[in-house]
C-alpha atoms as a PDB file:
ATOM      1  CA  MET A   1     -45.807  -3.545 -41.923  1.00  0.00           C
ATOM      2  CA  VAL A   2     -44.286  -3.539 -45.415  1.00  0.00           C
ATOM      3  CA  GLU A   3     -41.382  -1.359 -44.260  1.00  0.00           C
ATOM      4  CA  HIS A   4     -40.798  -3.686 -41.317  1.00  0.00           C
ATOM      5  CA  GLU A   5     -40.637  -6.681 -43.677  1.00  0.00           C
ATOM      6  CA  ARG A   6     -38.133  -4.824 -45.857  1.00  0.00           C
ATOM      7  CA  ASP A   7     -35.947  -4.178 -42.818  1.00  0.00           C
ATOM      8  CA  ILE A   8     -36.050  -7.868 -41.982  1.00  0.00           C
ATOM      9  CA  MET A   9     -35.088  -8.799 -45.534  1.00  0.00           C
ATOM     10  CA  ARG A  10     -32.167  -6.314 -45.538  1.00  0.00           C
ATOM     11  CA  ALA A  11     -30.923  -7.695 -42.241  1.00  0.00           C
ATOM     12  CA  ARG A  12     -31.107 -11.234 -43.591  1.00  0.00           C
ATOM     13  CA  ARG A  13     -29.149 -10.218 -46.703  1.00  0.00           C
ATOM     14  CA  THR A  14     -26.501  -8.552 -44.552  1.00  0.00           C
ATOM     15  CA  ARG A  15     -26.120 -11.652 -42.397  1.00  0.00           C
ATOM     16  CA  ARG A  16     -25.994 -13.883 -45.480  1.00  0.00           C
ATOM     17  CA  THR A  17     -23.266 -11.709 -47.034  1.00  0.00           C
ATOM     18  CA  ALA A  18     -21.248 -11.827 -43.831  1.00  0.00           C
ATOM     19  CA  ARG A  19     -21.547 -15.620 -43.759  1.00  0.00           C
ATOM     20  CA  LEU A  20     -20.428 -15.879 -47.373  1.00  0.00           C
ATOM     21  CA  LEU A  21     -17.390 -13.709 -46.696  1.00  0.00           C
ATOM     22  CA  ALA A  22     -16.501 -15.819 -43.685  1.00  0.00           C
ATOM     23  CA  VAL A  23     -16.828 -18.986 -45.735  1.00  0.00           C
ATOM     24  CA  ALA A  24     -14.675 -17.484 -48.483  1.00  0.00           C
ATOM     25  CA  ALA A  25     -11.972 -16.456 -46.023  1.00  0.00           C
ATOM     26  CA  THR A  26     -11.999 -19.913 -44.469  1.00  0.00           C
ATOM     27  CA  ALA A  27     -11.774 -21.484 -47.913  1.00  0.00           C
ATOM     28  CA  ALA A  28      -8.813 -19.264 -48.676  1.00  0.00           C
ATOM     29  CA  LEU A  29      -7.039 -20.528 -45.601  1.00  0.00           C
ATOM     30  CA  CYS A  30      -7.685 -24.089 -46.681  1.00  0.00           C
ATOM     31  CA  ALA A  31      -6.578 -23.432 -50.231  1.00  0.00           C
ATOM     32  CA  LEU A  32      -3.379 -21.716 -49.178  1.00  0.00           C
ATOM     33  CA  GLY A  33      -2.527 -24.236 -46.455  1.00  0.00           C
ATOM     34  CA  LEU A  34      -4.350 -25.006 -43.230  1.00  0.00           C
ATOM     35  CA  PRO A  35      -2.914 -23.078 -40.305  1.00  0.00           C
ATOM     36  CA  ALA A  36      -1.160 -25.197 -37.742  1.00  0.00           C
ATOM     37  CA  PRO A  37      -2.035 -24.869 -34.046  1.00  0.00           C
ATOM     38  CA  ALA A  38      -0.607 -21.694 -32.563  1.00  0.00           C
ATOM     39  CA  SER A  39       0.967 -23.793 -29.816  1.00  0.00           C
ATOM     40  CA  ALA A  40       3.353 -25.245 -32.422  1.00  0.00           C
ATOM     41  CA  ALA A  41       4.812 -21.831 -33.252  1.00  0.00           C
ATOM     42  CA  GLY A  42       8.371 -21.529 -32.032  1.00  0.00           C
ATOM     43  CA  THR A  43       8.868 -25.293 -31.811  1.00  0.00           C
ATOM     44  CA  PRO A  44      11.511 -26.499 -34.278  1.00  0.00           C
ATOM     45  CA  PRO A  45      10.849 -29.666 -36.278  1.00  0.00           C
ATOM     46  CA  PRO A  46      12.838 -32.805 -35.486  1.00  0.00           C
ATOM     47  CA  GLY A  47      16.469 -32.506 -36.533  1.00  0.00           C
ATOM     48  CA  ALA A  48      16.525 -28.695 -36.575  1.00  0.00           C
ATOM     49  CA  ASN A  49      18.159 -25.965 -34.498  1.00  0.00           C
ATOM     50  CA  ASP A  50      21.103 -27.737 -32.950  1.00  0.00           C
ATOM     51  CA  TRP A  51      23.113 -24.543 -32.543  1.00  0.00           C
ATOM     52  CA  SER A  52      26.258 -26.517 -31.737  1.00  0.00           C
ATOM     53  CA  CYS A  53      26.179 -28.242 -35.143  1.00  0.00           C
ATOM     54  CA  LYS A  54      29.187 -27.540 -37.378  1.00  0.00           C
ATOM     55  CA  PRO A  55      29.114 -28.216 -41.141  1.00  0.00           C
ATOM     56  CA  ASP A  56      31.639 -30.707 -42.492  1.00  0.00           C
ATOM     57  CA  SER A  57      33.443 -30.882 -45.808  1.00  0.00           C
ATOM     58  CA  ALA A  58      30.724 -33.055 -47.345  1.00  0.00           C
ATOM     59  CA  HIS A  59      27.961 -30.670 -46.208  1.00  0.00           C
ATOM     60  CA  PRO A  60      29.666 -27.276 -46.000  1.00  0.00           C
ATOM     61  CA  GLN A  61      26.541 -25.126 -45.866  1.00  0.00           C
ATOM     62  CA  PRO A  62      23.901 -25.207 -43.118  1.00  0.00           C
ATOM     63  CA  VAL A  63      20.361 -25.535 -44.434  1.00  0.00           C
ATOM     64  CA  VAL A  64      17.726 -22.965 -43.458  1.00  0.00           C
ATOM     65  CA  LEU A  65      14.122 -24.143 -43.892  1.00  0.00           C
ATOM     66  CA  VAL A  66      11.480 -21.498 -44.638  1.00  0.00           C
ATOM     67  CA  ASN A  67       7.826 -22.475 -44.249  1.00  0.00           C
ATOM     68  CA  GLY A  68       4.838 -21.349 -46.269  1.00  0.00           C
ATOM     69  CA  THR A  69       1.868 -19.104 -45.563  1.00  0.00           C
ATOM     70  CA  PHE A  70      -0.314 -20.044 -42.563  1.00  0.00           C
ATOM     71  CA  LYS A  71       2.204 -22.705 -41.548  1.00  0.00           C
ATOM     72  CA  THR A  72       4.473 -23.181 -38.568  1.00  0.00           C
ATOM     73  CA  SER A  73       7.967 -24.416 -39.203  1.00  0.00           C
ATOM     74  CA  TYR A  74       7.267 -27.487 -37.085  1.00  0.00           C
ATOM     75  CA  GLU A  75       4.313 -28.660 -39.186  1.00  0.00           C
ATOM     76  CA  ASN A  76       5.820 -27.690 -42.525  1.00  0.00           C
ATOM     77  CA  TRP A  77       9.111 -29.538 -42.044  1.00  0.00           C
ATOM     78  CA  LEU A  78       8.125 -32.495 -39.885  1.00  0.00           C
ATOM     79  CA  THR A  79       9.381 -34.910 -42.556  1.00  0.00           C
ATOM     80  CA  LEU A  80      12.100 -33.109 -44.512  1.00  0.00           C
ATOM     81  CA  SER A  81      13.980 -31.640 -41.553  1.00  0.00           C
ATOM     82  CA  PRO A  82      14.971 -34.995 -39.985  1.00  0.00           C
ATOM     83  CA  ALA A  83      15.728 -36.406 -43.450  1.00  0.00           C
ATOM     84  CA  LEU A  84      18.219 -33.588 -44.105  1.00  0.00           C
ATOM     85  CA  ALA A  85      19.733 -33.975 -40.643  1.00  0.00           C
ATOM     86  CA  ASP A  86      20.091 -37.732 -41.191  1.00  0.00           C
ATOM     87  CA  ALA A  87      21.850 -36.955 -44.482  1.00  0.00           C
ATOM     88  CA  GLY A  88      24.478 -34.994 -42.546  1.00  0.00           C
ATOM     89  CA  TYR A  89      23.306 -31.383 -42.831  1.00  0.00           C
ATOM     90  CA  CYS A  90      23.097 -28.823 -40.035  1.00  0.00           C
ATOM     91  CA  VAL A  91      19.431 -27.848 -40.253  1.00  0.00           C
ATOM     92  CA  PHE A  92      17.788 -24.678 -38.942  1.00  0.00           C
ATOM     93  CA  SER A  93      14.239 -23.344 -39.054  1.00  0.00           C
ATOM     94  CA  PHE A  94      12.284 -20.439 -37.632  1.00  0.00           C
ATOM     95  CA  ASP A  95       8.774 -19.026 -37.478  1.00  0.00           C
ATOM     96  CA  TYR A  96       8.236 -15.605 -38.991  1.00  0.00           C
ATOM     97  CA  GLY A  97       5.698 -12.982 -39.914  1.00  0.00           C
ATOM     98  CA  ASP A  98       2.717 -14.097 -37.785  1.00  0.00           C
ATOM     99  CA  LEU A  99       2.288 -17.466 -39.519  1.00  0.00           C
ATOM    100  CA  ALA A 100       3.883 -15.941 -42.634  1.00  0.00           C
ATOM    101  CA  THR A 101       0.972 -13.548 -43.170  1.00  0.00           C
ATOM    102  CA  ALA A 102       2.999 -10.332 -42.772  1.00  0.00           C
ATOM    103  CA  PRO A 103       4.159  -8.339 -45.814  1.00  0.00           C
ATOM    104  CA  VAL A 104       6.730 -10.444 -47.629  1.00  0.00           C
ATOM    105  CA  ALA A 105       9.411  -7.740 -47.517  1.00  0.00           C
ATOM    106  CA  ASP A 106       9.134  -7.627 -43.712  1.00  0.00           C
ATOM    107  CA  SER A 107       9.466 -11.401 -43.507  1.00  0.00           C
ATOM    108  CA  ALA A 108      12.543 -11.268 -45.758  1.00  0.00           C
ATOM    109  CA  ALA A 109      14.196  -8.975 -43.223  1.00  0.00           C
ATOM    110  CA  GLU A 110      13.489 -11.578 -40.534  1.00  0.00           C
ATOM    111  CA  LEU A 111      15.089 -14.206 -42.761  1.00  0.00           C
ATOM    112  CA  ARG A 112      18.178 -12.016 -43.220  1.00  0.00           C
ATOM    113  CA  ASP A 113      18.615 -11.752 -39.457  1.00  0.00           C
ATOM    114  CA  PHE A 114      18.097 -15.489 -38.961  1.00  0.00           C
ATOM    115  CA  VAL A 115      20.609 -16.438 -41.655  1.00  0.00           C
ATOM    116  CA  ASN A 116      23.145 -14.097 -40.071  1.00  0.00           C
ATOM    117  CA  ALA A 117      22.601 -15.855 -36.738  1.00  0.00           C
ATOM    118  CA  VAL A 118      23.035 -19.283 -38.363  1.00  0.00           C
ATOM    119  CA  LEU A 119      26.242 -18.244 -40.122  1.00  0.00           C
ATOM    120  CA  GLY A 120      27.582 -16.779 -36.905  1.00  0.00           C
ATOM    121  CA  ALA A 121      26.848 -19.949 -34.939  1.00  0.00           C
ATOM    122  CA  THR A 122      28.152 -22.425 -37.502  1.00  0.00           C
ATOM    123  CA  GLY A 123      31.100 -20.443 -38.845  1.00  0.00           C
ATOM    124  CA  ALA A 124      29.911 -21.092 -42.414  1.00  0.00           C
ATOM    125  CA  ARG A 125      30.348 -18.474 -45.140  1.00  0.00           C
ATOM    126  CA  LYS A 126      27.066 -19.274 -46.838  1.00  0.00           C
ATOM    127  CA  ALA A 127      23.793 -21.073 -46.149  1.00  0.00           C
ATOM    128  CA  ASP A 128      21.481 -23.143 -48.311  1.00  0.00           C
ATOM    129  CA  ILE A 129      17.800 -22.220 -48.181  1.00  0.00           C
ATOM    130  CA  VAL A 130      14.946 -24.653 -48.809  1.00  0.00           C
ATOM    131  CA  GLY A 131      11.507 -23.062 -48.822  1.00  0.00           C
ATOM    132  CA  HIS A 132       7.916 -24.099 -49.413  1.00  0.00           C
ATOM    133  CA  SER A 133       5.391 -21.897 -51.245  1.00  0.00           C
ATOM    134  CA  GLN A 134       5.920 -18.330 -49.959  1.00  0.00           C
ATOM    135  CA  GLY A 135       9.022 -19.718 -48.248  1.00  0.00           C
ATOM    136  CA  GLY A 136      10.494 -20.542 -51.650  1.00  0.00           C
ATOM    137  CA  MET A 137       9.746 -17.103 -53.075  1.00  0.00           C
ATOM    138  CA  MET A 138      10.346 -14.765 -50.110  1.00  0.00           C
ATOM    139  CA  PRO A 139      14.099 -15.549 -49.880  1.00  0.00           C
ATOM    140  CA  ARG A 140      14.502 -14.100 -53.360  1.00  0.00           C
ATOM    141  CA  TYR A 141      13.689 -10.676 -51.877  1.00  0.00           C
ATOM    142  CA  TYR A 142      16.428 -11.242 -49.319  1.00  0.00           C
ATOM    143  CA  VAL A 143      18.823 -12.239 -52.102  1.00  0.00           C
ATOM    144  CA  LYS A 144      17.926  -9.377 -54.408  1.00  0.00           C
ATOM    145  CA  PHE A 145      17.447  -6.461 -52.039  1.00  0.00           C
ATOM    146  CA  LEU A 146      18.801  -7.311 -48.570  1.00  0.00           C
ATOM    147  CA  GLY A 147      22.321  -8.586 -49.203  1.00  0.00           C
ATOM    148  CA  GLY A 148      21.574 -12.297 -49.452  1.00  0.00           C
ATOM    149  CA  ALA A 149      23.250 -12.794 -52.829  1.00  0.00           C
ATOM    150  CA  THR A 150      26.625 -13.255 -51.134  1.00  0.00           C
ATOM    151  CA  LYS A 151      25.294 -15.409 -48.290  1.00  0.00           C
ATOM    152  CA  VAL A 152      23.123 -18.003 -50.049  1.00  0.00           C
ATOM    153  CA  ASP A 153      24.677 -20.916 -51.932  1.00  0.00           C
ATOM    154  CA  ASP A 154      21.530 -22.835 -52.979  1.00  0.00           C
ATOM    155  CA  LEU A 155      17.933 -21.624 -52.986  1.00  0.00           C
ATOM    156  CA  VAL A 156      15.560 -24.541 -53.470  1.00  0.00           C
ATOM    157  CA  GLY A 157      11.885 -23.627 -53.821  1.00  0.00           C
ATOM    158  CA  ILE A 158       9.263 -26.322 -53.293  1.00  0.00           C
ATOM    159  CA  VAL A 159       6.164 -25.204 -55.253  1.00  0.00           C
ATOM    160  CA  PRO A 160       7.322 -21.598 -54.739  1.00  0.00           C
ATOM    161  CA  SER A 161       4.991 -18.692 -55.462  1.00  0.00           C
ATOM    162  CA  ASN A 162       7.615 -16.968 -57.594  1.00  0.00           C
ATOM    163  CA  HIS A 163       5.087 -15.344 -59.912  1.00  0.00           C
ATOM    164  CA  GLY A 164       2.187 -15.489 -57.511  1.00  0.00           C
ATOM    165  CA  THR A 165      -1.143 -17.148 -58.064  1.00  0.00           C
ATOM    166  CA  THR A 166      -4.308 -16.409 -59.979  1.00  0.00           C
ATOM    167  CA  HIS A 167      -6.305 -18.230 -57.288  1.00  0.00           C
ATOM    168  CA  PRO A 168      -9.241 -15.869 -56.560  1.00  0.00           C
ATOM    169  CA  LEU A 169      -9.243 -16.644 -52.840  1.00  0.00           C
ATOM    170  CA  ALA A 170      -5.769 -15.188 -52.311  1.00  0.00           C
ATOM    171  CA  LEU A 171      -7.189 -11.666 -52.428  1.00  0.00           C
ATOM    172  CA  VAL A 172     -10.140 -12.645 -50.229  1.00  0.00           C
ATOM    173  CA  ALA A 173      -7.806 -13.856 -47.516  1.00  0.00           C
ATOM    174  CA  GLY A 174      -5.521 -10.884 -47.987  1.00  0.00           C
ATOM    175  CA  ALA A 175      -8.296  -8.360 -47.712  1.00  0.00           C
ATOM    176  CA  THR A 176      -9.131  -9.548 -44.230  1.00  0.00           C
ATOM    177  CA  LEU A 177      -6.088 -11.008 -42.533  1.00  0.00           C
ATOM    178  CA  CYS A 178      -3.123 -11.738 -44.795  1.00  0.00           C
ATOM    179  CA  PRO A 179      -0.976  -9.010 -46.391  1.00  0.00           C
ATOM    180  CA  SER A 180       1.396 -11.659 -47.769  1.00  0.00           C
ATOM    181  CA  CYS A 181      -1.529 -13.164 -49.690  1.00  0.00           C
ATOM    182  CA  VAL A 182      -2.000  -9.854 -51.480  1.00  0.00           C
ATOM    183  CA  ASP A 183       1.728  -9.784 -52.223  1.00  0.00           C
ATOM    184  CA  GLN A 184       1.448 -13.299 -53.687  1.00  0.00           C
ATOM    185  CA  THR A 185      -1.412 -12.439 -56.017  1.00  0.00           C
ATOM    186  CA  ALA A 186      -0.268 -12.589 -59.646  1.00  0.00           C
ATOM    187  CA  GLY A 187       0.582  -9.120 -60.932  1.00  0.00           C
ATOM    188  CA  SER A 188       0.888  -7.528 -57.486  1.00  0.00           C
ATOM    189  CA  ASP A 189       3.122  -4.494 -57.056  1.00  0.00           C
ATOM    190  CA  PHE A 190       5.379  -6.593 -54.856  1.00  0.00           C
ATOM    191  CA  LEU A 191       5.846  -9.318 -57.479  1.00  0.00           C
ATOM    192  CA  GLN A 192       6.446  -6.808 -60.247  1.00  0.00           C
ATOM    193  CA  GLN A 193       9.295  -5.382 -58.191  1.00  0.00           C
ATOM    194  CA  LEU A 194      10.655  -8.805 -57.253  1.00  0.00           C
ATOM    195  CA  ASN A 195      10.536 -10.170 -60.794  1.00  0.00           C
ATOM    196  CA  SER A 196      12.011  -7.155 -62.521  1.00  0.00           C
ATOM    197  CA  ALA A 197      15.120  -8.251 -64.398  1.00  0.00           C
ATOM    198  CA  PRO A 198      17.033 -10.191 -63.356  1.00  0.00           C
ATOM    199  CA  GLU A 199      14.599 -12.655 -61.805  1.00  0.00           C
ATOM    200  CA  ALA A 200      17.497 -14.764 -60.565  1.00  0.00           C
ATOM    201  CA  PRO A 201      20.375 -12.479 -59.573  1.00  0.00           C
ATOM    202  CA  VAL A 202      23.883 -13.895 -59.767  1.00  0.00           C
ATOM    203  CA  GLY A 203      24.987 -15.485 -56.512  1.00  0.00           C
ATOM    204  CA  PRO A 204      22.911 -18.496 -55.488  1.00  0.00           C
ATOM    205  CA  ASP A 205      22.004 -21.526 -57.559  1.00  0.00           C
ATOM    206  CA  TYR A 206      18.236 -21.722 -57.982  1.00  0.00           C
ATOM    207  CA  THR A 207      16.033 -24.824 -58.147  1.00  0.00           C
ATOM    208  CA  ALA A 208      12.253 -24.462 -58.483  1.00  0.00           C
ATOM    209  CA  ILE A 209      10.218 -27.651 -57.990  1.00  0.00           C
ATOM    210  CA  ALA A 210       6.633 -27.633 -59.287  1.00  0.00           C
ATOM    211  CA  THR A 211       3.786 -30.118 -59.598  1.00  0.00           C
ATOM    212  CA  GLU A 212       1.061 -30.212 -62.209  1.00  0.00           C
ATOM    213  CA  TYR A 213      -1.414 -30.905 -59.401  1.00  0.00           C
ATOM    214  CA  ASP A 214      -0.740 -27.649 -57.566  1.00  0.00           C
ATOM    215  CA  GLU A 215      -4.113 -26.289 -56.465  1.00  0.00           C
ATOM    216  CA  VAL A 216      -2.701 -23.140 -54.819  1.00  0.00           C
ATOM    217  CA  VAL A 217      -0.001 -21.672 -57.071  1.00  0.00           C
ATOM    218  CA  LEU A 218      -1.974 -21.304 -60.289  1.00  0.00           C
ATOM    219  CA  PRO A 219      -0.885 -21.942 -62.921  1.00  0.00           C
ATOM    220  CA  TYR A 220       1.744 -24.302 -61.575  1.00  0.00           C
ATOM    221  CA  THR A 221       4.292 -22.858 -64.015  1.00  0.00           C
ATOM    222  CA  SER A 222       4.180 -19.669 -61.927  1.00  0.00           C
ATOM    223  CA  SER A 223       6.764 -21.410 -59.746  1.00  0.00           C
ATOM    224  CA  PHE A 224       9.398 -21.304 -62.471  1.00  0.00           C
ATOM    225  CA  LEU A 225      12.228 -18.797 -62.760  1.00  0.00           C
ATOM    226  CA  ASP A 226      13.799 -17.229 -65.796  1.00  0.00           C
ATOM    227  CA  GLY A 227      17.580 -17.474 -65.794  1.00  0.00           C
ATOM    228  CA  PRO A 228      20.617 -19.204 -67.293  1.00  0.00           C
ATOM    229  CA  ALA A 229      20.612 -23.006 -67.131  1.00  0.00           C
ATOM    230  CA  SER A 230      24.031 -22.808 -65.495  1.00  0.00           C
ATOM    231  CA  TYR A 231      22.450 -21.712 -62.240  1.00  0.00           C
ATOM    232  CA  VAL A 232      18.660 -22.077 -62.656  1.00  0.00           C
ATOM    233  CA  THR A 233      16.811 -25.414 -62.892  1.00  0.00           C
ATOM    234  CA  ASN A 234      13.024 -25.684 -63.144  1.00  0.00           C
ATOM    235  CA  VAL A 235      11.587 -29.096 -62.254  1.00  0.00           C
ATOM    236  CA  THR A 236       8.118 -30.490 -62.907  1.00  0.00           C
ATOM    237  CA  LEU A 237       7.683 -33.651 -60.831  1.00  0.00           C
ATOM    238  CA  GLN A 238       5.536 -35.372 -63.454  1.00  0.00           C
ATOM    239  CA  ASP A 239       8.200 -35.010 -66.156  1.00  0.00           C
ATOM    240  CA  ARG A 240      10.091 -37.820 -64.431  1.00  0.00           C
ATOM    241  CA  CYS A 241       7.240 -39.500 -62.567  1.00  0.00           C
ATOM    242  CA  PRO A 242       4.023 -39.101 -64.615  1.00  0.00           C
ATOM    243  CA  LEU A 243       1.874 -40.921 -62.059  1.00  0.00           C
ATOM    244  CA  ASP A 244       2.928 -38.745 -59.133  1.00  0.00           C
ATOM    245  CA  LEU A 245      -0.064 -36.906 -57.626  1.00  0.00           C
ATOM    246  CA  THR A 246       1.734 -34.577 -55.220  1.00  0.00           C
ATOM    247  CA  GLU A 247      -0.286 -31.445 -54.450  1.00  0.00           C
ATOM    248  CA  HIS A 248       0.807 -28.106 -53.014  1.00  0.00           C
ATOM    249  CA  ASP A 249       0.315 -28.709 -49.328  1.00  0.00           C
ATOM    250  CA  GLN A 250       1.832 -32.202 -49.353  1.00  0.00           C
ATOM    251  CA  ALA A 251       4.899 -31.276 -51.403  1.00  0.00           C
ATOM    252  CA  PRO A 252       7.340 -30.748 -48.476  1.00  0.00           C
ATOM    253  CA  LYS A 253       6.519 -34.254 -47.242  1.00  0.00           C
ATOM    254  CA  SER A 254       6.847 -35.944 -50.638  1.00  0.00           C
ATOM    255  CA  PRO A 255       9.620 -38.571 -50.952  1.00  0.00           C
ATOM    256  CA  LEU A 256       9.971 -37.526 -54.587  1.00  0.00           C
ATOM    257  CA  VAL A 257      10.492 -33.881 -53.653  1.00  0.00           C
ATOM    258  CA  ARG A 258      13.017 -34.973 -51.037  1.00  0.00           C
ATOM    259  CA  GLN A 259      15.129 -36.623 -53.737  1.00  0.00           C
ATOM    260  CA  TRP A 260      15.195 -33.451 -55.825  1.00  0.00           C
ATOM    261  CA  VAL A 261      16.107 -31.350 -52.782  1.00  0.00           C
ATOM    262  CA  LEU A 262      18.997 -33.644 -51.876  1.00  0.00           C
ATOM    263  CA  ASN A 263      20.187 -33.621 -55.480  1.00  0.00           C
ATOM    264  CA  ALA A 264      20.202 -29.814 -55.552  1.00  0.00           C
ATOM    265  CA  LEU A 265      22.013 -29.491 -52.227  1.00  0.00           C
ATOM    266  CA  GLY A 266      24.527 -32.226 -52.910  1.00  0.00           C
ATOM    267  CA  ARG A 267      26.145 -30.909 -56.076  1.00  0.00           C
ATOM    268  CA  GLY A 268      27.730 -27.788 -57.470  1.00  0.00           C
ATOM    269  CA  GLY A 269      25.057 -25.795 -59.260  1.00  0.00           C
ATOM    270  CA  PRO A 270      21.290 -26.244 -59.090  1.00  0.00           C
ATOM    271  CA  ALA A 271      19.502 -29.598 -59.341  1.00  0.00           C
ATOM    272  CA  ASP A 272      20.652 -31.673 -62.295  1.00  0.00           C
ATOM    273  CA  PRO A 273      17.979 -31.445 -65.024  1.00  0.00           C
ATOM    274  CA  ALA A 274      18.958 -34.979 -66.071  1.00  0.00           C
ATOM    275  CA  PHE A 275      18.478 -36.407 -62.564  1.00  0.00           C
ATOM    276  CA  VAL A 276      16.324 -39.543 -62.553  1.00  0.00           C
ATOM    277  CA  PRO A 277      14.629 -40.033 -59.164  1.00  0.00           C
ATOM    278  CA  ARG A 278      12.901 -43.144 -57.915  1.00  0.00           C
ATOM    279  CA  CYS A 279       9.202 -42.702 -58.567  1.00  0.00           C
ATOM    280  CA  LEU A 280       8.112 -45.066 -55.811  1.00  0.00           C
ATOM    281  CA  SER A 281       8.079 -43.922 -52.208  1.00  0.00           C
ATOM    282  CA  VAL A 282      11.381 -44.129 -50.411  1.00  0.00           C
ATOM    283  CA  GLY A 283      11.992 -44.490 -46.711  1.00  0.00           C
END
């Protein structure tokens, strides 16, 4: 009887451990960005993927949008994509890496192929890239190792995971279903390779936009890049707008972030460190 009770207790502990792991994995998904419905994959956001669009002299580079982990392009860029198109840019987006969970180097190769397709369709020499979270960091691998340095004019990262995160749930998610989460863990082999000098290779202009209220990329300063001020600008939203409460997941939809993105894309060089945005919501 005693042995039977011990078996029951062991079984209960096993089930409880399995439940805790499931809860942790689910929490990791929430922390790193709720996955969008699979049915949205492959659907471009409004304003994107008009393959007949040709850049003009005021907007000479097409803009490629790169979503974050567990996101579809449609959900990630529902707000910013039409805003960029309305501003006159040819906008393109794509879904990659099984909701961006594949190894980051593999996803960077997908980005390389997509940028080549965009340049071929538009006739442009270079593209601008705007990415969120992993989508702001992953293009740096393309730039540094896959020939992107000569094909990218501006790389704008919105809360990019440039130096990864110390969030403990990143490894939990990665251990079960997300190799890119392991790559984005602070100190990972991947990030050590990516951030070996120079962090910002000559070629593109780099803008990294961070928020003090980032609950995913921890610490939020992990978004920043080391490089000359002539072609690297690091932005903290609250430096200009102290009352702004933008968090990680909402950043691509933030009117404040939109202003910084447009500033970076609309000038020679990265975003102007002296730029003064409107701190109230804009249309």
